[in-house]
């Protein structure tokens, strides 16, 4: 699961300049996040079977065509929102709630929700994502212990 997140974040980092909340991007994120977690051939695919959400009485929409239509409606509405924070929150809530995939919907929504933030300041986010990948190669400096004599009272 962690390696799947790494691949999905790598995808976002590599496509930082062209990211937009559209069906292809959401399905790609789902594919990367759900690899080996769902049955073969289901990763990245809008579900056609009915599902339930454990511990709730919520019954998500059914039907592949209907789910695709509503996912695109959510994504089209998101693209109309100017404020990146509002757009991010909208994507997080609506992609999760729609339950368009068999599983891994919330994880997909979480990563989809950072797309507007990335688009707002691509250079800053690109640097931060790159730094996250570089962390394992960085040399960590040890902090020098404070001299007790110079400590403020």
C-alpha atoms as a PDB file:
ATOM      1  CA  UNK A   1       0.000   0.000   0.000  1.00  0.00           C
ATOM      2  CA  UNK A   2       2.827   2.438   0.833  1.00  0.00           C
ATOM      3  CA  UNK A   3       4.584   1.639  -2.436  1.00  0.00           C
ATOM      4  CA  UNK A   4       1.325   2.342  -4.254  1.00  0.00           C
ATOM      5  CA  UNK A   5       1.174   5.771  -2.607  1.00  0.00           C
ATOM      6  CA  UNK A   6       4.772   6.377  -3.623  1.00  0.00           C
ATOM      7  CA  UNK A   7       3.940   5.590  -7.255  1.00  0.00           C
ATOM      8  CA  UNK A   8       0.840   7.781  -7.204  1.00  0.00           C
ATOM      9  CA  UNK A   9       2.777  10.704  -5.721  1.00  0.00           C
ATOM     10  CA  UNK A  10       5.523  10.142  -8.281  1.00  0.00           C
ATOM     11  CA  UNK A  11       2.834  10.380 -10.988  1.00  0.00           C
ATOM     12  CA  UNK A  12       1.633  13.695  -9.538  1.00  0.00           C
ATOM     13  CA  UNK A  13       5.195  15.011  -9.316  1.00  0.00           C
ATOM     14  CA  UNK A  14       6.038  14.015 -12.893  1.00  0.00           C
ATOM     15  CA  UNK A  15       2.854  15.576 -14.270  1.00  0.00           C
ATOM     16  CA  UNK A  16       2.750  18.620 -12.033  1.00  0.00           C
ATOM     17  CA  UNK A  17       2.578  21.079 -14.959  1.00  0.00           C
ATOM     18  CA  UNK A  18      -0.383  19.423 -16.704  1.00  0.00           C
ATOM     19  CA  UNK A  19      -2.515  18.151 -13.822  1.00  0.00           C
ATOM     20  CA  UNK A  20      -6.227  18.833 -13.884  1.00  0.00           C
ATOM     21  CA  UNK A  21      -9.083  17.098 -12.088  1.00  0.00           C
ATOM     22  CA  UNK A  22     -10.440  14.989 -14.949  1.00  0.00           C
ATOM     23  CA  UNK A  23     -11.570  11.395 -15.342  1.00  0.00           C
ATOM     24  CA  UNK A  24      -8.259  10.209 -16.757  1.00  0.00           C
ATOM     25  CA  UNK A  25      -6.275  11.638 -13.836  1.00  0.00           C
ATOM     26  CA  UNK A  26      -8.648  10.218 -11.214  1.00  0.00           C
ATOM     27  CA  UNK A  27      -8.660   6.790 -12.845  1.00  0.00           C
ATOM     28  CA  UNK A  28      -4.860   6.826 -13.098  1.00  0.00           C
ATOM     29  CA  UNK A  29      -4.562   7.711  -9.416  1.00  0.00           C
ATOM     30  CA  UNK A  30      -6.956   4.893  -8.565  1.00  0.00           C
ATOM     31  CA  UNK A  31      -5.004   2.472 -10.744  1.00  0.00           C
ATOM     32  CA  UNK A  32      -1.726   3.338  -9.027  1.00  0.00           C
ATOM     33  CA  UNK A  33      -3.198   3.296  -5.511  1.00  0.00           C
ATOM     34  CA  UNK A  34      -5.162   0.055  -5.899  1.00  0.00           C
ATOM     35  CA  UNK A  35      -2.564  -2.025  -7.734  1.00  0.00           C
ATOM     36  CA  UNK A  36      -2.477  -5.480  -6.068  1.00  0.00           C
ATOM     37  CA  UNK A  37      -5.215  -4.423  -3.630  1.00  0.00           C
ATOM     38  CA  UNK A  38      -8.166  -5.192  -5.903  1.00  0.00           C
ATOM     39  CA  UNK A  39      -8.801  -8.012  -8.352  1.00  0.00           C
ATOM     40  CA  UNK A  40      -6.784  -7.866 -11.587  1.00  0.00           C
ATOM     41  CA  UNK A  41      -8.438  -5.710 -14.223  1.00  0.00           C
ATOM     42  CA  UNK A  42     -10.396  -3.644 -11.718  1.00  0.00           C
ATOM     43  CA  UNK A  43      -7.726  -1.095 -10.800  1.00  0.00           C
ATOM     44  CA  UNK A  44      -8.523   2.237 -12.440  1.00  0.00           C
ATOM     45  CA  UNK A  45     -11.935   1.054 -13.645  1.00  0.00           C
ATOM     46  CA  UNK A  46     -15.282   2.551 -12.693  1.00  0.00           C
ATOM     47  CA  UNK A  47     -17.207  -0.197 -10.919  1.00  0.00           C
ATOM     48  CA  UNK A  48     -20.205  -1.926 -12.437  1.00  0.00           C
ATOM     49  CA  UNK A  49     -21.204  -3.939  -9.351  1.00  0.00           C
ATOM     50  CA  UNK A  50     -23.050  -2.634  -6.322  1.00  0.00           C
ATOM     51  CA  UNK A  51     -21.090  -2.123  -3.113  1.00  0.00           C
ATOM     52  CA  UNK A  52     -21.784  -1.270   0.490  1.00  0.00           C
ATOM     53  CA  UNK A  53     -19.862   0.920   2.885  1.00  0.00           C
ATOM     54  CA  UNK A  54     -19.064  -1.098   5.998  1.00  0.00           C
ATOM     55  CA  UNK A  55     -20.571   0.259   9.192  1.00  0.00           C
ATOM     56  CA  UNK A  56     -23.059   2.568   7.454  1.00  0.00           C
ATOM     57  CA  UNK A  57     -26.457   2.459   5.827  1.00  0.00           C
ATOM     58  CA  UNK A  58     -25.185   4.499   2.865  1.00  0.00           C
ATOM     59  CA  UNK A  59     -25.970   2.862  -0.477  1.00  0.00           C
ATOM     60  CA  UNK A  60     -23.741   4.326  -3.223  1.00  0.00           C
ATOM     61  CA  UNK A  61     -25.013   4.803  -6.753  1.00  0.00           C
ATOM     62  CA  UNK A  62     -24.995   1.769  -9.042  1.00  0.00           C
ATOM     63  CA  UNK A  63     -24.257   1.301 -12.720  1.00  0.00           C
ATOM     64  CA  UNK A  64     -21.017   2.018 -14.542  1.00  0.00           C
ATOM     65  CA  UNK A  65     -22.566   4.549 -16.944  1.00  0.00           C
ATOM     66  CA  UNK A  66     -24.316   6.408 -14.135  1.00  0.00           C
ATOM     67  CA  UNK A  67     -21.178   6.464 -11.980  1.00  0.00           C
ATOM     68  CA  UNK A  68     -19.079   7.705 -14.902  1.00  0.00           C
ATOM     69  CA  UNK A  69     -21.640  10.425 -15.603  1.00  0.00           C
ATOM     70  CA  UNK A  70     -21.688  11.570 -11.960  1.00  0.00           C
ATOM     71  CA  UNK A  71     -17.889  11.406 -11.629  1.00  0.00           C
ATOM     72  CA  UNK A  72     -17.555  13.658 -14.666  1.00  0.00           C
ATOM     73  CA  UNK A  73     -20.210  15.984 -13.249  1.00  0.00           C
ATOM     74  CA  UNK A  74     -18.257  16.232  -9.986  1.00  0.00           C
ATOM     75  CA  UNK A  75     -15.002  16.870 -11.868  1.00  0.00           C
ATOM     76  CA  UNK A  76     -16.597  19.463 -14.179  1.00  0.00           C
ATOM     77  CA  UNK A  77     -18.033  21.302 -11.177  1.00  0.00           C
ATOM     78  CA  UNK A  78     -14.668  21.158  -9.415  1.00  0.00           C
ATOM     79  CA  UNK A  79     -12.960  22.760 -12.412  1.00  0.00           C
ATOM     80  CA  UNK A  80     -15.421  25.687 -12.178  1.00  0.00           C
ATOM     81  CA  UNK A  81     -14.326  26.485  -8.609  1.00  0.00           C
ATOM     82  CA  UNK A  82     -11.670  29.225  -8.599  1.00  0.00           C
ATOM     83  CA  UNK A  83     -10.403  28.922  -5.033  1.00  0.00           C
ATOM     84  CA  UNK A  84      -7.920  25.994  -4.916  1.00  0.00           C
ATOM     85  CA  UNK A  85      -8.684  25.243  -1.261  1.00  0.00           C
ATOM     86  CA  UNK A  86     -12.415  25.126  -1.900  1.00  0.00           C
ATOM     87  CA  UNK A  87     -11.821  23.009  -5.013  1.00  0.00           C
ATOM     88  CA  UNK A  88      -9.631  20.666  -2.974  1.00  0.00           C
ATOM     89  CA  UNK A  89     -12.253  20.225  -0.271  1.00  0.00           C
ATOM     90  CA  UNK A  90     -14.967  19.732  -2.899  1.00  0.00           C
ATOM     91  CA  UNK A  91     -12.964  16.946  -4.585  1.00  0.00           C
ATOM     92  CA  UNK A  92     -12.162  15.258  -1.280  1.00  0.00           C
ATOM     93  CA  UNK A  93     -15.792  15.103  -0.214  1.00  0.00           C
ATOM     94  CA  UNK A  94     -17.460  14.337  -3.513  1.00  0.00           C
ATOM     95  CA  UNK A  95     -15.019  11.782  -4.941  1.00  0.00           C
ATOM     96  CA  UNK A  96     -15.128   9.920  -1.615  1.00  0.00           C
ATOM     97  CA  UNK A  97     -18.912  10.085  -1.377  1.00  0.00           C
ATOM     98  CA  UNK A  98     -19.522   8.934  -4.955  1.00  0.00           C
ATOM     99  CA  UNK A  99     -17.687   5.611  -4.356  1.00  0.00           C
ATOM    100  CA  UNK A 100     -17.035   5.222  -8.097  1.00  0.00           C
ATOM    101  CA  UNK A 101     -14.534   2.391  -7.602  1.00  0.00           C
ATOM    102  CA  UNK A 102     -14.769  -1.026  -5.954  1.00  0.00           C
ATOM    103  CA  UNK A 103     -12.307   0.020  -3.236  1.00  0.00           C
ATOM    104  CA  UNK A 104      -9.633   2.643  -2.469  1.00  0.00           C
ATOM    105  CA  UNK A 105     -12.078   5.531  -2.982  1.00  0.00           C
ATOM    106  CA  UNK A 106     -10.984   7.627   0.007  1.00  0.00           C
ATOM    107  CA  UNK A 107      -7.284   7.245  -0.812  1.00  0.00           C
ATOM    108  CA  UNK A 108      -8.007   8.253  -4.401  1.00  0.00           C
ATOM    109  CA  UNK A 109      -9.998  11.270  -3.193  1.00  0.00           C
ATOM    110  CA  UNK A 110      -7.214  12.336  -0.831  1.00  0.00           C
ATOM    111  CA  UNK A 111      -4.656  12.445  -3.615  1.00  0.00           C
ATOM    112  CA  UNK A 112      -7.144  13.983  -6.056  1.00  0.00           C
ATOM    113  CA  UNK A 113      -7.762  16.748  -3.538  1.00  0.00           C
ATOM    114  CA  UNK A 114      -4.168  17.960  -3.756  1.00  0.00           C
ATOM    115  CA  UNK A 115      -4.377  18.487  -7.535  1.00  0.00           C
ATOM    116  CA  UNK A 116      -5.829  22.028  -7.202  1.00  0.00           C
ATOM    117  CA  UNK A 117      -3.190  22.887  -4.629  1.00  0.00           C
ATOM    118  CA  UNK A 118      -0.472  21.641  -6.948  1.00  0.00           C
ATOM    119  CA  UNK A 119      -1.913  23.660  -9.826  1.00  0.00           C
ATOM    120  CA  UNK A 120      -2.026  26.798  -7.661  1.00  0.00           C
ATOM    121  CA  UNK A 121       1.726  26.852  -7.143  1.00  0.00           C
ATOM    122  CA  UNK A 122       3.260  24.109  -9.214  1.00  0.00           C
ATOM    123  CA  UNK A 123       6.860  25.127  -8.636  1.00  0.00           C
ATOM    124  CA  UNK A 124       6.538  25.052  -4.841  1.00  0.00           C
ATOM    125  CA  UNK A 125       4.700  21.725  -4.755  1.00  0.00           C
ATOM    126  CA  UNK A 126       7.026  20.232  -7.356  1.00  0.00           C
ATOM    127  CA  UNK A 127       9.983  21.084  -5.146  1.00  0.00           C
ATOM    128  CA  UNK A 128       8.277  19.665  -2.069  1.00  0.00           C
ATOM    129  CA  UNK A 129       7.344  16.407  -3.830  1.00  0.00           C
ATOM    130  CA  UNK A 130      10.872  16.088  -5.182  1.00  0.00           C
ATOM    131  CA  UNK A 131      12.269  16.692  -1.714  1.00  0.00           C
ATOM    132  CA  UNK A 132      10.048  13.955  -0.298  1.00  0.00           C
ATOM    133  CA  UNK A 133      11.615  11.462  -2.691  1.00  0.00           C
ATOM    134  CA  UNK A 134      15.094  12.744  -1.918  1.00  0.00           C
ATOM    135  CA  UNK A 135      14.711  12.421   1.857  1.00  0.00           C
ATOM    136  CA  UNK A 136      16.082   8.906   1.962  1.00  0.00           C
ATOM    137  CA  UNK A 137      19.255  10.117   0.244  1.00  0.00           C
ATOM    138  CA  UNK A 138      19.858  13.138   2.417  1.00  0.00           C
ATOM    139  CA  UNK A 139      22.491  13.293   5.094  1.00  0.00           C
ATOM    140  CA  UNK A 140      20.896  14.321   8.339  1.00  0.00           C
ATOM    141  CA  UNK A 141      22.937  16.668  10.457  1.00  0.00           C
ATOM    142  CA  UNK A 142      23.102  16.078  14.137  1.00  0.00           C
ATOM    143  CA  UNK A 143      22.056  18.943  16.299  1.00  0.00           C
ATOM    144  CA  UNK A 144      24.732  20.206  18.605  1.00  0.00           C
ATOM    145  CA  UNK A 145      23.810  19.951  22.242  1.00  0.00           C
ATOM    146  CA  UNK A 146      23.196  23.295  23.872  1.00  0.00           C
ATOM    147  CA  UNK A 147      25.721  24.602  26.312  1.00  0.00           C
ATOM    148  CA  UNK A 148      23.913  24.697  29.670  1.00  0.00           C
ATOM    149  CA  UNK A 149      25.859  27.848  30.578  1.00  0.00           C
ATOM    150  CA  UNK A 150      24.274  29.793  27.701  1.00  0.00           C
ATOM    151  CA  UNK A 151      20.755  28.618  28.342  1.00  0.00           C
ATOM    152  CA  UNK A 152      18.302  31.384  29.210  1.00  0.00           C
ATOM    153  CA  UNK A 153      16.563  31.208  32.560  1.00  0.00           C
END
